Amino acid sequence: MKIRIGFSIVRLVGVDGCTLHVEDVDIIDGTPLLDIKPYVPDFDMRETDQIGWLAGRSRNVRHTKSDGRLK
């Protein structure tokens, strides 16, 4: 059994009891939600000089399509 874990920054648009309503979700349907934290720019925004395997590939990210591995 494969378990996919996603990380996403979303916009909270409402709270209805124990239900959070969010927008701008960019994770795959069925991905488990493990934790919710507020976005704090002082902690969550980090500058970096290295991005590992993504180096040289990030400029094409808006034009890259899925290879079909994630369903």
N, C-alpha and C. Protein backbone atom coordinates (compact mmCIF):
# COMPACT_ATOMS: atom_id res chain seq x y z
N MET A 1 0.83 -1.18 0.00
CA MET A 1 0.00 0.00 0.00
C MET A 1 0.88 1.24 0.00
N LYS A 2 0.67 2.12 -0.97
CA LYS A 2 1.42 3.37 -1.03
C LYS A 2 0.61 4.47 -0.36
N ILE A 3 1.29 5.26 0.45
CA ILE A 3 0.66 6.42 1.08
C ILE A 3 1.38 7.65 0.58
N ARG A 4 0.64 8.54 -0.05
CA ARG A 4 1.22 9.78 -0.56
C ARG A 4 0.97 10.88 0.45
N ILE A 5 2.00 11.66 0.74
CA ILE A 5 1.87 12.78 1.66
C ILE A 5 2.18 14.05 0.88
N GLY A 6 1.30 15.04 0.98
CA GLY A 6 1.50 16.30 0.27
C GLY A 6 1.73 17.43 1.25
N PHE A 7 2.29 18.49 0.72
CA PHE A 7 2.51 19.71 1.49
C PHE A 7 1.92 20.84 0.67
N SER A 8 1.05 21.62 1.25
CA SER A 8 0.38 22.67 0.50
C SER A 8 0.13 23.87 1.39
N ILE A 9 0.28 25.04 0.81
CA ILE A 9 -0.11 26.28 1.50
C ILE A 9 -1.44 26.68 0.89
N VAL A 10 -2.46 26.81 1.73
CA VAL A 10 -3.81 27.10 1.25
C VAL A 10 -4.33 28.38 1.89
N ARG A 11 -5.40 28.88 1.33
CA ARG A 11 -6.07 30.08 1.86
C ARG A 11 -7.30 29.62 2.65
N LEU A 12 -7.35 29.97 3.92
CA LEU A 12 -8.51 29.65 4.76
C LEU A 12 -9.59 30.68 4.47
N VAL A 13 -10.75 30.21 4.00
CA VAL A 13 -11.83 31.13 3.65
C VAL A 13 -13.01 31.04 4.60
N GLY A 14 -13.01 30.05 5.48
CA GLY A 14 -14.11 29.96 6.44
C GLY A 14 -13.97 28.79 7.38
N VAL A 15 -14.67 28.90 8.50
CA VAL A 15 -14.70 27.84 9.50
C VAL A 15 -16.16 27.59 9.84
N ASP A 16 -16.57 26.32 9.78
CA ASP A 16 -17.94 25.92 10.10
C ASP A 16 -17.86 24.79 11.11
N GLY A 17 -17.91 25.13 12.40
CA GLY A 17 -17.73 24.11 13.45
C GLY A 17 -16.31 23.57 13.39
N CYS A 18 -16.18 22.26 13.13
CA CYS A 18 -14.86 21.63 13.02
C CYS A 18 -14.39 21.50 11.58
N THR A 19 -15.11 22.11 10.65
CA THR A 19 -14.77 22.03 9.24
C THR A 19 -14.09 23.31 8.77
N LEU A 20 -12.92 23.16 8.17
CA LEU A 20 -12.21 24.30 7.59
C LEU A 20 -12.49 24.34 6.10
N HIS A 21 -12.79 25.50 5.58
CA HIS A 21 -13.01 25.68 4.14
C HIS A 21 -11.79 26.40 3.58
N VAL A 22 -11.15 25.77 2.60
CA VAL A 22 -9.91 26.31 2.06
C VAL A 22 -9.99 26.44 0.54
N GLU A 23 -9.13 27.29 -0.02
CA GLU A 23 -8.98 27.45 -1.46
C GLU A 23 -7.50 27.29 -1.80
N ASP A 24 -7.25 27.15 -3.09
CA ASP A 24 -5.88 27.06 -3.63
C ASP A 24 -5.18 25.77 -3.22
N VAL A 25 -5.92 24.70 -3.03
CA VAL A 25 -5.33 23.41 -2.68
C VAL A 25 -4.65 22.83 -3.92
N ASP A 26 -3.43 22.38 -3.78
CA ASP A 26 -2.70 21.82 -4.93
C ASP A 26 -2.19 20.42 -4.64
N ILE A 27 -2.97 19.65 -3.87
CA ILE A 27 -2.59 18.28 -3.58
C ILE A 27 -3.55 17.32 -4.27
N ILE A 28 -3.19 16.08 -4.36
CA ILE A 28 -3.98 15.06 -5.04
C ILE A 28 -5.12 14.60 -4.14
N ASP A 29 -6.31 14.38 -4.73
CA ASP A 29 -7.45 13.87 -3.98
C ASP A 29 -7.05 12.60 -3.22
N GLY A 30 -7.48 12.51 -1.98
CA GLY A 30 -7.20 11.34 -1.17
C GLY A 30 -5.92 11.44 -0.37
N THR A 31 -5.16 12.53 -0.55
CA THR A 31 -3.94 12.71 0.23
C THR A 31 -4.32 12.96 1.68
N PRO A 32 -3.74 12.21 2.64
CA PRO A 32 -4.11 12.41 4.04
C PRO A 32 -3.69 13.79 4.53
N LEU A 33 -4.51 14.39 5.38
CA LEU A 33 -4.19 15.66 6.01
C LEU A 33 -3.61 15.35 7.38
N LEU A 34 -2.36 15.69 7.58
CA LEU A 34 -1.68 15.33 8.83
C LEU A 34 -1.64 16.47 9.83
N ASP A 35 -1.58 17.70 9.35
CA ASP A 35 -1.38 18.81 10.28
C ASP A 35 -1.80 20.11 9.61
N ILE A 36 -2.26 21.04 10.40
CA ILE A 36 -2.63 22.36 9.91
C ILE A 36 -1.94 23.38 10.80
N LYS A 37 -1.25 24.31 10.17
CA LYS A 37 -0.58 25.37 10.91
C LYS A 37 -0.82 26.69 10.19
N PRO A 38 -0.81 27.80 10.93
CA PRO A 38 -0.93 29.09 10.24
C PRO A 38 0.37 29.40 9.49
N TYR A 39 0.24 30.14 8.42
CA TYR A 39 1.42 30.58 7.66
C TYR A 39 2.00 31.80 8.34
N VAL A 40 3.25 31.72 8.76
CA VAL A 40 3.95 32.82 9.42
C VAL A 40 5.19 33.14 8.58
N PRO A 41 5.15 34.22 7.79
CA PRO A 41 6.26 34.52 6.88
C PRO A 41 7.64 34.53 7.55
N ASP A 42 7.71 35.00 8.79
CA ASP A 42 9.01 35.03 9.47
C ASP A 42 9.62 33.65 9.63
N PHE A 43 8.78 32.61 9.70
CA PHE A 43 9.27 31.25 9.88
C PHE A 43 9.18 30.41 8.61
N ASP A 44 8.15 30.63 7.81
CA ASP A 44 7.85 29.74 6.69
C ASP A 44 8.47 30.15 5.37
N MET A 45 9.00 31.33 5.26
CA MET A 45 9.59 31.80 4.02
C MET A 45 11.11 31.75 4.16
N ARG A 46 11.72 30.88 3.39
CA ARG A 46 13.16 30.70 3.50
C ARG A 46 13.84 30.91 2.17
N GLU A 47 14.91 31.65 2.18
CA GLU A 47 15.74 31.84 1.00
C GLU A 47 16.77 30.72 0.95
N THR A 48 17.09 30.27 -0.25
CA THR A 48 18.08 29.20 -0.39
C THR A 48 18.86 29.39 -1.67
N ASP A 49 20.08 28.92 -1.68
CA ASP A 49 20.92 28.96 -2.88
C ASP A 49 20.89 27.63 -3.61
N GLN A 50 20.47 26.56 -2.95
CA GLN A 50 20.47 25.24 -3.56
C GLN A 50 19.08 24.62 -3.45
N ILE A 51 18.66 23.98 -4.53
CA ILE A 51 17.36 23.32 -4.51
C ILE A 51 17.46 21.86 -4.96
N GLY A 52 18.63 21.28 -4.82
CA GLY A 52 18.82 19.85 -5.07
C GLY A 52 18.48 19.43 -6.48
N TRP A 53 17.74 18.33 -6.62
CA TRP A 53 17.44 17.74 -7.91
C TRP A 53 16.62 18.66 -8.82
N LEU A 54 15.98 19.69 -8.24
CA LEU A 54 15.16 20.59 -9.03
C LEU A 54 15.98 21.66 -9.76
N ALA A 55 17.25 21.79 -9.37
CA ALA A 55 18.12 22.80 -10.01
C ALA A 55 18.14 22.60 -11.52
N GLY A 56 17.96 23.68 -12.25
CA GLY A 56 17.97 23.62 -13.70
C GLY A 56 16.66 23.16 -14.31
N ARG A 57 15.72 22.70 -13.50
CA ARG A 57 14.44 22.22 -14.01
C ARG A 57 13.28 23.15 -13.64
N SER A 58 13.45 23.97 -12.63
CA SER A 58 12.34 24.77 -12.12
C SER A 58 11.83 25.79 -13.13
N ARG A 59 12.65 26.25 -14.06
CA ARG A 59 12.18 27.24 -15.03
C ARG A 59 11.13 26.65 -15.98
N ASN A 60 11.06 25.32 -16.10
CA ASN A 60 10.09 24.68 -16.98
C ASN A 60 8.85 24.18 -16.25
N VAL A 61 8.76 24.44 -14.97
CA VAL A 61 7.70 23.83 -14.15
C VAL A 61 6.29 24.21 -14.63
N ARG A 62 6.09 25.39 -15.13
CA ARG A 62 4.75 25.80 -15.59
C ARG A 62 4.34 25.11 -16.88
N HIS A 63 5.29 24.51 -17.60
CA HIS A 63 5.00 23.87 -18.88
C HIS A 63 5.15 22.35 -18.83
N THR A 64 5.47 21.81 -17.66
CA THR A 64 5.69 20.37 -17.52
C THR A 64 4.38 19.68 -17.18
N LYS A 65 4.12 18.57 -17.83
CA LYS A 65 2.90 17.80 -17.60
C LYS A 65 3.22 16.55 -16.79
N SER A 66 2.22 15.99 -16.16
CA SER A 66 2.36 14.76 -15.40
C SER A 66 2.81 13.62 -16.31
N ASP A 67 3.62 12.73 -15.77
CA ASP A 67 4.05 11.55 -16.54
C ASP A 67 3.13 10.37 -16.27
N GLY A 68 2.04 10.58 -15.52
CA GLY A 68 1.06 9.53 -15.30
C GLY A 68 1.29 8.65 -14.09
N ARG A 69 2.39 8.85 -13.35
CA ARG A 69 2.65 7.99 -12.19
C ARG A 69 1.66 8.25 -11.05
N LEU A 70 1.17 9.47 -10.91
CA LEU A 70 0.22 9.81 -9.85
C LEU A 70 -1.18 9.76 -10.39
N LYS A 71 -2.01 8.93 -9.77
CA LYS A 71 -3.39 8.77 -10.26
C LYS A 71 -4.36 9.05 -9.17
